[in-house]
Amino acid sequence: MIYGSQIGALRSLRAAAAGLPRAPVEAHLDQAKQNSIEFLRPRSTFTEWFGFLERNDLTTAGDDGLYRITPKGVGFLTYIEGLGYPPRIF
């Protein structure tokens, strides 16, 4: 199960070929928490939230402090966008 906020982060990372620092990536999680998503509030830290993307080889965190989407992550986005899933953040 992937959250819409994680998909939003993947889209941001795809748009930034050189990668992004943590703050703009984490902003997707912060926005979800601000939108009263109760199931995210008590248990999702950035490490847990982003870790899901890393464990599934959709993203990587570089030694340079930048976060990047992997080729598998690009393929995943292309796949779900091709299915016509609506973009939504939750």
Protein backbone atom coordinates (compact mmCIF):
# COMPACT_ATOMS: atom_id res chain seq x y z
CA MET A 1 0.00 0.00 0.00
CA ILE A 2 1.40 3.37 -1.00
CA TYR A 3 0.09 6.70 0.23
CA GLY A 4 -0.85 9.51 -2.12
CA SER A 5 1.71 11.69 -0.34
CA GLN A 6 4.41 9.20 -1.36
CA ILE A 7 3.21 9.30 -4.95
CA GLY A 8 3.38 13.10 -4.78
CA ALA A 9 6.96 12.84 -3.56
CA LEU A 10 7.80 10.48 -6.42
CA ARG A 11 6.38 12.98 -8.90
CA SER A 12 8.45 15.79 -7.40
CA LEU A 13 11.57 13.65 -7.54
CA ARG A 14 10.88 12.70 -11.15
CA ALA A 15 10.63 16.39 -12.05
CA ALA A 16 13.98 17.12 -10.37
CA ALA A 17 16.48 15.07 -12.35
CA ALA A 18 19.40 16.15 -10.14
CA GLY A 19 17.54 15.21 -6.96
CA LEU A 20 16.02 17.17 -4.11
CA PRO A 21 17.10 17.95 -0.56
CA ARG A 22 15.02 16.52 2.25
CA ALA A 23 12.78 19.55 2.94
CA PRO A 24 10.79 19.54 -0.34
CA VAL A 25 10.42 15.76 -0.17
CA GLU A 26 9.29 15.83 3.45
CA ALA A 27 6.80 18.59 2.61
CA HIS A 28 4.55 15.93 1.06
CA LEU A 29 4.36 14.08 4.39
CA ASP A 30 3.84 17.33 6.30
CA GLN A 31 0.98 18.31 4.00
CA ALA A 32 -0.72 14.95 4.54
CA LYS A 33 -0.42 15.35 8.31
CA GLN A 34 -1.83 18.90 8.15
CA ASN A 35 -4.80 17.65 6.17
CA SER A 36 -5.97 15.69 9.23
CA ILE A 37 -4.92 12.29 8.09
CA GLU A 38 -5.26 10.58 11.41
CA PHE A 39 -3.61 7.33 10.39
CA LEU A 40 -0.41 9.17 9.45
CA ARG A 41 -0.10 11.45 12.47
CA PRO A 42 0.89 9.15 15.29
CA ARG A 43 3.16 6.75 13.49
CA SER A 44 4.73 8.19 10.38
CA THR A 45 8.10 9.74 10.72
CA PHE A 46 9.95 10.83 7.62
CA THR A 47 12.29 7.87 8.01
CA GLU A 48 9.39 5.39 8.04
CA TRP A 49 7.48 7.17 5.28
CA PHE A 50 10.46 7.56 2.94
CA GLY A 51 11.85 4.17 3.97
CA PHE A 52 8.89 2.48 2.30
CA LEU A 53 9.92 4.08 -1.00
CA GLU A 54 13.54 3.04 -0.50
CA ARG A 55 12.74 -0.54 0.53
CA ASN A 56 10.71 -0.94 -2.63
CA ASP A 57 13.54 0.48 -4.75
CA LEU A 58 11.46 3.45 -5.90
CA THR A 59 13.84 6.06 -4.48
CA THR A 60 17.29 6.45 -3.07
CA ALA A 61 18.93 8.84 -0.63
CA GLY A 62 22.40 9.82 -1.83
CA ASP A 63 25.50 10.46 0.23
CA ASP A 64 25.30 14.04 -1.10
CA GLY A 65 22.09 14.60 0.90
CA LEU A 66 19.84 14.53 -2.15
CA TYR A 67 16.88 12.24 -2.68
CA ARG A 68 16.30 10.75 -6.12
CA ILE A 69 13.80 8.59 -7.91
CA THR A 70 15.09 5.31 -9.33
CA PRO A 71 14.33 3.91 -12.79
CA LYS A 72 11.90 1.51 -11.07
CA GLY A 73 10.19 4.52 -9.46
CA VAL A 74 9.82 6.23 -12.84
CA GLY A 75 8.38 3.02 -14.27
CA PHE A 76 5.94 2.72 -11.38
CA LEU A 77 4.67 6.28 -11.90
CA THR A 78 4.35 5.72 -15.63
CA TYR A 79 2.37 2.56 -14.94
CA ILE A 80 -0.11 4.08 -12.48
CA GLU A 81 -0.53 7.21 -14.59
CA GLY A 82 -1.25 4.98 -17.58
CA LEU A 83 -4.01 3.30 -15.59
CA GLY A 84 -5.63 6.70 -15.12
CA TYR A 85 -5.55 6.78 -11.32
CA PRO A 86 -6.50 10.27 -10.17
CA PRO A 87 -3.75 12.34 -8.59
CA ARG A 88 -4.63 12.81 -4.94
CA ILE A 89 -2.81 13.47 -1.76
CA PHE A 90 -3.88 11.70 1.41
